[in-house]
Amino acid sequence: MKTLQAETLAQDERGSVVSTDVLVSFGKLEREGYTHVAVTHGAKEWAVFDCRTQQLHHTNGVESFWWMFDRIVAAF
């Protein structure tokens, strides 16, 4: 939790919109000044439209990256 929060604070400007899954480590982002939108994969939710930001949020890009990364590492 501390690592994810520290990296988010270091990399993303406060006030930014952050899209994540529902991992508890991201729970404090709103209190830190971010707009946080979470996608609940356990409920078969792959994208969510947020009325506050007027945007569709998903984590497909980053999940695709890690899926490919895992396959590349496994090949070595």
PDB file of N, CA and C in Angstrom:
ATOM      1  N   MET A   1       0.828  -1.182   0.000  1.00  0.00           N
ATOM      2  CA  MET A   1       0.000   0.000   0.000  1.00  0.00           C
ATOM      3  C   MET A   1       0.879   1.254   0.000  1.00  0.00           C
ATOM      4  N   LYS A   2       1.889   1.282   0.851  1.00  0.00           N
ATOM      5  CA  LYS A   2       2.746   2.466   0.929  1.00  0.00           C
ATOM      6  C   LYS A   2       3.476   2.711  -0.385  1.00  0.00           C
ATOM      7  N   THR A   3       3.916   1.639  -1.046  1.00  0.00           N
ATOM      8  CA  THR A   3       4.637   1.780  -2.312  1.00  0.00           C
ATOM      9  C   THR A   3       3.737   2.363  -3.389  1.00  0.00           C
ATOM     10  N   LEU A   4       2.533   1.821  -3.538  1.00  0.00           N
ATOM     11  CA  LEU A   4       1.613   2.328  -4.562  1.00  0.00           C
ATOM     12  C   LEU A   4       1.231   3.773  -4.306  1.00  0.00           C
ATOM     13  N   GLN A   5       0.966   4.100  -3.069  1.00  0.00           N
ATOM     14  CA  GLN A   5       0.594   5.471  -2.748  1.00  0.00           C
ATOM     15  C   GLN A   5       1.760   6.423  -2.997  1.00  0.00           C
ATOM     16  N   ALA A   6       2.953   6.017  -2.589  1.00  0.00           N
ATOM     17  CA  ALA A   6       4.121   6.877  -2.792  1.00  0.00           C
ATOM     18  C   ALA A   6       4.390   7.092  -4.273  1.00  0.00           C
ATOM     19  N   GLU A   7       4.274   6.051  -5.079  1.00  0.00           N
ATOM     20  CA  GLU A   7       4.510   6.177  -6.520  1.00  0.00           C
ATOM     21  C   GLU A   7       3.456   7.055  -7.183  1.00  0.00           C
ATOM     22  N   THR A   8       2.223   6.898  -6.774  1.00  0.00           N
ATOM     23  CA  THR A   8       1.160   7.734  -7.338  1.00  0.00           C
ATOM     24  C   THR A   8       1.411   9.200  -6.992  1.00  0.00           C
ATOM     25  N   LEU A   9       1.745   9.463  -5.747  1.00  0.00           N
ATOM     26  CA  LEU A   9       2.010  10.842  -5.325  1.00  0.00           C
ATOM     27  C   LEU A   9       3.215  11.420  -6.058  1.00  0.00           C
ATOM     28  N   ALA A  10       4.212  10.587  -6.327  1.00  0.00           N
ATOM     29  CA  ALA A  10       5.424  11.060  -6.999  1.00  0.00           C
ATOM     30  C   ALA A  10       5.217  11.271  -8.493  1.00  0.00           C
ATOM     31  N   GLN A  11       4.361  10.469  -9.112  1.00  0.00           N
ATOM     32  CA  GLN A  11       4.224  10.478 -10.563  1.00  0.00           C
ATOM     33  C   GLN A  11       3.057  11.319 -11.081  1.00  0.00           C
ATOM     34  N   ASP A  12       2.003  11.409 -10.309  1.00  0.00           N
ATOM     35  CA  ASP A  12       0.779  12.051 -10.788  1.00  0.00           C
ATOM     36  C   ASP A  12       0.482  13.319  -9.994  1.00  0.00           C
ATOM     37  N   GLU A  13       0.164  14.373 -10.707  1.00  0.00           N
ATOM     38  CA  GLU A  13      -0.139  15.659 -10.090  1.00  0.00           C
ATOM     39  C   GLU A  13      -1.460  15.588  -9.326  1.00  0.00           C
ATOM     40  N   ARG A  14      -1.469  16.165  -8.144  1.00  0.00           N
ATOM     41  CA  ARG A  14      -2.730  16.215  -7.383  1.00  0.00           C
ATOM     42  C   ARG A  14      -3.779  16.929  -8.227  1.00  0.00           C
ATOM     43  N   GLY A  15      -4.994  16.435  -8.157  1.00  0.00           N
ATOM     44  CA  GLY A  15      -6.058  16.947  -8.997  1.00  0.00           C
ATOM     45  C   GLY A  15      -6.262  16.091 -10.231  1.00  0.00           C
ATOM     46  N   SER A  16      -5.320  15.175 -10.494  1.00  0.00           N
ATOM     47  CA  SER A  16      -5.431  14.275 -11.649  1.00  0.00           C
ATOM     48  C   SER A  16      -6.549  13.270 -11.433  1.00  0.00           C
ATOM     49  N   VAL A  17      -7.048  12.738 -12.528  1.00  0.00           N
ATOM     50  CA  VAL A  17      -8.015  11.655 -12.491  1.00  0.00           C
ATOM     51  C   VAL A  17      -7.238  10.355 -12.611  1.00  0.00           C
ATOM     52  N   VAL A  18      -7.443   9.448 -11.654  1.00  0.00           N
ATOM     53  CA  VAL A  18      -6.727   8.181 -11.625  1.00  0.00           C
ATOM     54  C   VAL A  18      -7.730   7.044 -11.757  1.00  0.00           C
ATOM     55  N   SER A  19      -7.528   6.190 -12.751  1.00  0.00           N
ATOM     56  CA  SER A  19      -8.383   5.021 -12.966  1.00  0.00           C
ATOM     57  C   SER A  19      -7.646   3.780 -12.492  1.00  0.00           C
ATOM     58  N   THR A  20      -8.281   3.001 -11.616  1.00  0.00           N
ATOM     59  CA  THR A  20      -7.653   1.793 -11.089  1.00  0.00           C
ATOM     60  C   THR A  20      -8.700   0.693 -10.955  1.00  0.00           C
ATOM     61  N   ASP A  21      -8.232  -0.462 -10.474  1.00  0.00           N
ATOM     62  CA  ASP A  21      -9.177  -1.476 -10.036  1.00  0.00           C
ATOM     63  C   ASP A  21      -9.509  -1.157  -8.574  1.00  0.00           C
ATOM     64  N   VAL A  22     -10.176  -2.047  -7.897  1.00  0.00           N
ATOM     65  CA  VAL A  22     -10.647  -1.741  -6.542  1.00  0.00           C
ATOM     66  C   VAL A  22      -9.663  -2.157  -5.450  1.00  0.00           C
ATOM     67  N   LEU A  23      -8.406  -2.362  -5.791  1.00  0.00           N
ATOM     68  CA  LEU A  23      -7.404  -2.708  -4.797  1.00  0.00           C
ATOM     69  C   LEU A  23      -7.425  -1.685  -3.663  1.00  0.00           C
ATOM     70  N   VAL A  24      -7.464  -2.164  -2.447  1.00  0.00           N
ATOM     71  CA  VAL A  24      -7.613  -1.296  -1.277  1.00  0.00           C
ATOM     72  C   VAL A  24      -6.493  -0.258  -1.186  1.00  0.00           C
ATOM     73  N   SER A  25      -5.349  -0.529  -1.754  1.00  0.00           N
ATOM     74  CA  SER A  25      -4.219   0.405  -1.705  1.00  0.00           C
ATOM     75  C   SER A  25      -4.522   1.746  -2.358  1.00  0.00           C
ATOM     76  N   PHE A  26      -5.490   1.786  -3.238  1.00  0.00           N
ATOM     77  CA  PHE A  26      -5.834   3.036  -3.919  1.00  0.00           C
ATOM     78  C   PHE A  26      -6.929   3.811  -3.189  1.00  0.00           C
ATOM     79  N   GLY A  27      -7.407   3.289  -2.092  1.00  0.00           N
ATOM     80  CA  GLY A  27      -8.544   3.868  -1.384  1.00  0.00           C
ATOM     81  C   GLY A  27      -8.350   5.280  -0.862  1.00  0.00           C
ATOM     82  N   LYS A  28      -7.122   5.690  -0.613  1.00  0.00           N
ATOM     83  CA  LYS A  28      -6.875   7.006  -0.029  1.00  0.00           C
ATOM     84  C   LYS A  28      -6.619   8.092  -1.066  1.00  0.00           C
ATOM     85  N   LEU A  29      -6.693   7.770  -2.339  1.00  0.00           N
ATOM     86  CA  LEU A  29      -6.369   8.751  -3.376  1.00  0.00           C
ATOM     87  C   LEU A  29      -7.261   9.990  -3.324  1.00  0.00           C
ATOM     88  N   GLU A  30      -8.533   9.789  -3.076  1.00  0.00           N
ATOM     89  CA  GLU A  30      -9.459  10.934  -3.013  1.00  0.00           C
ATOM     90  C   GLU A  30      -9.049  11.887  -1.895  1.00  0.00           C
ATOM     91  N   ARG A  31      -8.635  11.339  -0.751  1.00  0.00           N
ATOM     92  CA  ARG A  31      -8.217  12.178   0.375  1.00  0.00           C
ATOM     93  C   ARG A  31      -6.918  12.925   0.087  1.00  0.00           C
ATOM     94  N   GLU A  32      -6.145  12.412  -0.869  1.00  0.00           N
ATOM     95  CA  GLU A  32      -4.880  13.047  -1.240  1.00  0.00           C
ATOM     96  C   GLU A  32      -5.057  14.090  -2.344  1.00  0.00           C
ATOM     97  N   GLY A  33      -6.301  14.290  -2.798  1.00  0.00           N
ATOM     98  CA  GLY A  33      -6.562  15.331  -3.785  1.00  0.00           C
ATOM     99  C   GLY A  33      -6.721  14.850  -5.213  1.00  0.00           C
ATOM    100  N   TYR A  34      -6.860  13.552  -5.408  1.00  0.00           N
ATOM    101  CA  TYR A  34      -7.070  12.986  -6.741  1.00  0.00           C
ATOM    102  C   TYR A  34      -8.543  12.667  -6.937  1.00  0.00           C
ATOM    103  N   THR A  35      -8.970  12.636  -8.186  1.00  0.00           N
ATOM    104  CA  THR A  35     -10.279  12.072  -8.508  1.00  0.00           C
ATOM    105  C   THR A  35     -10.010  10.622  -8.842  1.00  0.00           C
ATOM    106  N   HIS A  36     -10.588   9.716  -8.069  1.00  0.00           N
ATOM    107  CA  HIS A  36     -10.326   8.289  -8.219  1.00  0.00           C
ATOM    108  C   HIS A  36     -11.569   7.581  -8.738  1.00  0.00           C
ATOM    109  N   VAL A  37     -11.397   6.823  -9.807  1.00  0.00           N
ATOM    110  CA  VAL A  37     -12.480   6.030 -10.369  1.00  0.00           C
ATOM    111  C   VAL A  37     -11.993   4.584 -10.422  1.00  0.00           C
ATOM    112  N   ALA A  38     -12.747   3.677  -9.808  1.00  0.00           N
ATOM    113  CA  ALA A  38     -12.343   2.276  -9.739  1.00  0.00           C
ATOM    114  C   ALA A  38     -13.284   1.398 -10.557  1.00  0.00           C
ATOM    115  N   VAL A  39     -12.691   0.440 -11.246  1.00  0.00           N
ATOM    116  CA  VAL A  39     -13.431  -0.557 -12.014  1.00  0.00           C
ATOM    117  C   VAL A  39     -13.447  -1.839 -11.194  1.00  0.00           C
ATOM    118  N   THR A  40     -14.626  -2.440 -11.042  1.00  0.00           N
ATOM    119  CA  THR A  40     -14.777  -3.635 -10.211  1.00  0.00           C
ATOM    120  C   THR A  40     -14.820  -4.880 -11.085  1.00  0.00           C
ATOM    121  N   HIS A  41     -13.659  -5.464 -11.333  1.00  0.00           N
ATOM    122  CA  HIS A  41     -13.598  -6.648 -12.193  1.00  0.00           C
ATOM    123  C   HIS A  41     -14.336  -7.833 -11.589  1.00  0.00           C
ATOM    124  N   GLY A  42     -14.342  -7.929 -10.268  1.00  0.00           N
ATOM    125  CA  GLY A  42     -15.042  -9.035  -9.605  1.00  0.00           C
ATOM    126  C   GLY A  42     -16.537  -9.038  -9.876  1.00  0.00           C
ATOM    127  N   ALA A  43     -17.077  -7.891 -10.234  1.00  0.00           N
ATOM    128  CA  ALA A  43     -18.499  -7.768 -10.571  1.00  0.00           C
ATOM    129  C   ALA A  43     -18.698  -7.760 -12.086  1.00  0.00           C
ATOM    130  N   LYS A  44     -17.677  -8.241 -12.809  1.00  0.00           N
ATOM    131  CA  LYS A  44     -17.713  -8.288 -14.286  1.00  0.00           C
ATOM    132  C   LYS A  44     -17.847  -6.890 -14.884  1.00  0.00           C
ATOM    133  N   GLU A  45     -17.252  -5.913 -14.219  1.00  0.00           N
ATOM    134  CA  GLU A  45     -17.266  -4.526 -14.692  1.00  0.00           C
ATOM    135  C   GLU A  45     -15.894  -4.237 -15.300  1.00  0.00           C
ATOM    136  N   TRP A  46     -15.847  -3.964 -16.575  1.00  0.00           N
ATOM    137  CA  TRP A  46     -14.576  -3.755 -17.268  1.00  0.00           C
ATOM    138  C   TRP A  46     -14.328  -2.291 -17.589  1.00  0.00           C
ATOM    139  N   ALA A  47     -15.369  -1.489 -17.553  1.00  0.00           N
ATOM    140  CA  ALA A  47     -15.264  -0.052 -17.774  1.00  0.00           C
ATOM    141  C   ALA A  47     -16.425   0.604 -17.035  1.00  0.00           C
ATOM    142  N   VAL A  48     -16.220   1.854 -16.655  1.00  0.00           N
ATOM    143  CA  VAL A  48     -17.268   2.566 -15.942  1.00  0.00           C
ATOM    144  C   VAL A  48     -17.266   4.024 -16.415  1.00  0.00           C
ATOM    145  N   PHE A  49     -18.452   4.559 -16.639  1.00  0.00           N
ATOM    146  CA  PHE A  49     -18.584   5.966 -17.001  1.00  0.00           C
ATOM    147  C   PHE A  49     -18.771   6.755 -15.713  1.00  0.00           C
ATOM    148  N   ASP A  50     -17.929   7.771 -15.526  1.00  0.00           N
ATOM    149  CA  ASP A  50     -17.994   8.590 -14.322  1.00  0.00           C
ATOM    150  C   ASP A  50     -18.620   9.938 -14.664  1.00  0.00           C
ATOM    151  N   CYS A  51     -19.718  10.253 -14.010  1.00  0.00           N
ATOM    152  CA  CYS A  51     -20.423  11.518 -14.274  1.00  0.00           C
ATOM    153  C   CYS A  51     -19.618  12.736 -13.857  1.00  0.00           C
ATOM    154  N   ARG A  52     -18.752  12.586 -12.832  1.00  0.00           N
ATOM    155  CA  ARG A  52     -17.945  13.721 -12.381  1.00  0.00           C
ATOM    156  C   ARG A  52     -16.956  14.159 -13.449  1.00  0.00           C
ATOM    157  N   THR A  53     -16.330  13.186 -14.113  1.00  0.00           N
ATOM    158  CA  THR A  53     -15.291  13.496 -15.096  1.00  0.00           C
ATOM    159  C   THR A  53     -15.810  13.479 -16.520  1.00  0.00           C
ATOM    160  N   GLN A  54     -17.020  12.941 -16.698  1.00  0.00           N
ATOM    161  CA  GLN A  54     -17.614  12.785 -18.035  1.00  0.00           C
ATOM    162  C   GLN A  54     -16.707  11.927 -18.930  1.00  0.00           C
ATOM    163  N   GLN A  55     -16.102  10.909 -18.328  1.00  0.00           N
ATOM    164  CA  GLN A  55     -15.182  10.040 -19.052  1.00  0.00           C
ATOM    165  C   GLN A  55     -15.480   8.580 -18.761  1.00  0.00           C
ATOM    166  N   LEU A  56     -15.120   7.755 -19.730  1.00  0.00           N
ATOM    167  CA  LEU A  56     -15.173   6.310 -19.562  1.00  0.00           C
ATOM    168  C   LEU A  56     -13.823   5.868 -19.005  1.00  0.00           C
ATOM    169  N   HIS A  57     -13.835   5.133 -17.915  1.00  0.00           N
ATOM    170  CA  HIS A  57     -12.604   4.691 -17.261  1.00  0.00           C
ATOM    171  C   HIS A  57     -12.477   3.182 -17.365  1.00  0.00           C
ATOM    172  N   HIS A  58     -11.251   2.741 -17.621  1.00  0.00           N
ATOM    173  CA  HIS A  58     -10.942   1.311 -17.636  1.00  0.00           C
ATOM    174  C   HIS A  58      -9.460   1.142 -17.346  1.00  0.00           C
ATOM    175  N   THR A  59      -9.060  -0.074 -17.086  1.00  0.00           N
ATOM    176  CA  THR A  59      -7.647  -0.364 -16.820  1.00  0.00           C
ATOM    177  C   THR A  59      -7.094  -1.327 -17.859  1.00  0.00           C
ATOM    178  N   ASN A  60      -7.746  -1.426 -18.998  1.00  0.00           N
ATOM    179  CA  ASN A  60      -7.366  -2.410 -20.013  1.00  0.00           C
ATOM    180  C   ASN A  60      -5.956  -2.194 -20.563  1.00  0.00           C
ATOM    181  N   GLY A  61      -5.540  -0.955 -20.745  1.00  0.00           N
ATOM    182  CA  GLY A  61      -4.212  -0.690 -21.306  1.00  0.00           C
ATOM    183  C   GLY A  61      -3.099  -1.191 -20.412  1.00  0.00           C
ATOM    184  N   VAL A  62      -3.163  -0.852 -19.137  1.00  0.00           N
ATOM    185  CA  VAL A  62      -2.114  -1.281 -18.215  1.00  0.00           C
ATOM    186  C   VAL A  62      -2.181  -2.785 -17.972  1.00  0.00           C
ATOM    187  N   GLU A  63      -3.367  -3.352 -17.946  1.00  0.00           N
ATOM    188  CA  GLU A  63      -3.481  -4.797 -17.767  1.00  0.00           C
ATOM    189  C   GLU A  63      -2.949  -5.549 -18.977  1.00  0.00           C
ATOM    190  N   SER A  64      -3.156  -5.007 -20.156  1.00  0.00           N
ATOM    191  CA  SER A  64      -2.605  -5.605 -21.369  1.00  0.00           C
ATOM    192  C   SER A  64      -1.076  -5.574 -21.330  1.00  0.00           C
ATOM    193  N   PHE A  65      -0.516  -4.451 -20.871  1.00  0.00           N
ATOM    194  CA  PHE A  65       0.934  -4.341 -20.749  1.00  0.00           C
ATOM    195  C   PHE A  65       1.486  -5.430 -19.838  1.00  0.00           C
ATOM    196  N   TRP A  66       0.894  -5.573 -18.651  1.00  0.00           N
ATOM    197  CA  TRP A  66       1.408  -6.569 -17.703  1.00  0.00           C
ATOM    198  C   TRP A  66       1.193  -7.982 -18.217  1.00  0.00           C
ATOM    199  N   TRP A  67       0.122  -8.252 -18.936  1.00  0.00           N
ATOM    200  CA  TRP A  67      -0.106  -9.570 -19.528  1.00  0.00           C
ATOM    201  C   TRP A  67       1.023  -9.893 -20.506  1.00  0.00           C
ATOM    202  N   MET A  68       1.358  -8.931 -21.378  1.00  0.00           N
ATOM    203  CA  MET A  68       2.443  -9.150 -22.340  1.00  0.00           C
ATOM    204  C   MET A  68       3.792  -9.262 -21.632  1.00  0.00           C
ATOM    205  N   PHE A  69       4.020  -8.439 -20.628  1.00  0.00           N
ATOM    206  CA  PHE A  69       5.261  -8.482 -19.863  1.00  0.00           C
ATOM    207  C   PHE A  69       5.469  -9.861 -19.235  1.00  0.00           C
ATOM    208  N   ASP A  70       4.430 -10.393 -18.628  1.00  0.00           N
ATOM    209  CA  ASP A  70       4.508 -11.729 -18.021  1.00  0.00           C
ATOM    210  C   ASP A  70       4.882 -12.790 -19.052  1.00  0.00           C
ATOM    211  N   ARG A  71       4.312 -12.713 -20.242  1.00  0.00           N
ATOM    212  CA  ARG A  71       4.592 -13.701 -21.291  1.00  0.00           C
ATOM    213  C   ARG A  71       6.037 -13.595 -21.771  1.00  0.00           C
ATOM    214  N   ILE A  72       6.529 -12.353 -21.881  1.00  0.00           N
ATOM    215  CA  ILE A  72       7.923 -12.163 -22.320  1.00  0.00           C
ATOM    216  C   ILE A  72       8.893 -12.692 -21.282  1.00  0.00           C
ATOM    217  N   VAL A  73       8.653 -12.371 -20.011  1.00  0.00           N
ATOM    218  CA  VAL A  73       9.536 -12.827 -18.935  1.00  0.00           C
ATOM    219  C   VAL A  73       9.499 -14.356 -18.845  1.00  0.00           C
ATOM    220  N   ALA A  74       8.324 -14.941 -18.996  1.00  0.00           N
ATOM    221  CA  ALA A  74       8.208 -16.398 -18.923  1.00  0.00           C
ATOM    222  C   ALA A  74       8.959 -17.091 -20.050  1.00  0.00           C
ATOM    223  N   ALA A  75       9.158 -16.400 -21.166  1.00  0.00           N
ATOM    224  CA  ALA A  75       9.845 -16.995 -22.308  1.00  0.00           C
ATOM    225  C   ALA A  75      11.350 -17.102 -22.076  1.00  0.00           C
ATOM    226  N   PHE A  76      11.877 -16.359 -21.121  1.00  0.00           N
ATOM    227  CA  PHE A  76      13.322 -16.382 -20.865  1.00  0.00           C
ATOM    228  C   PHE A  76      13.666 -17.281 -19.766  1.00  0.00           C
TER     229      PHE A  76
END
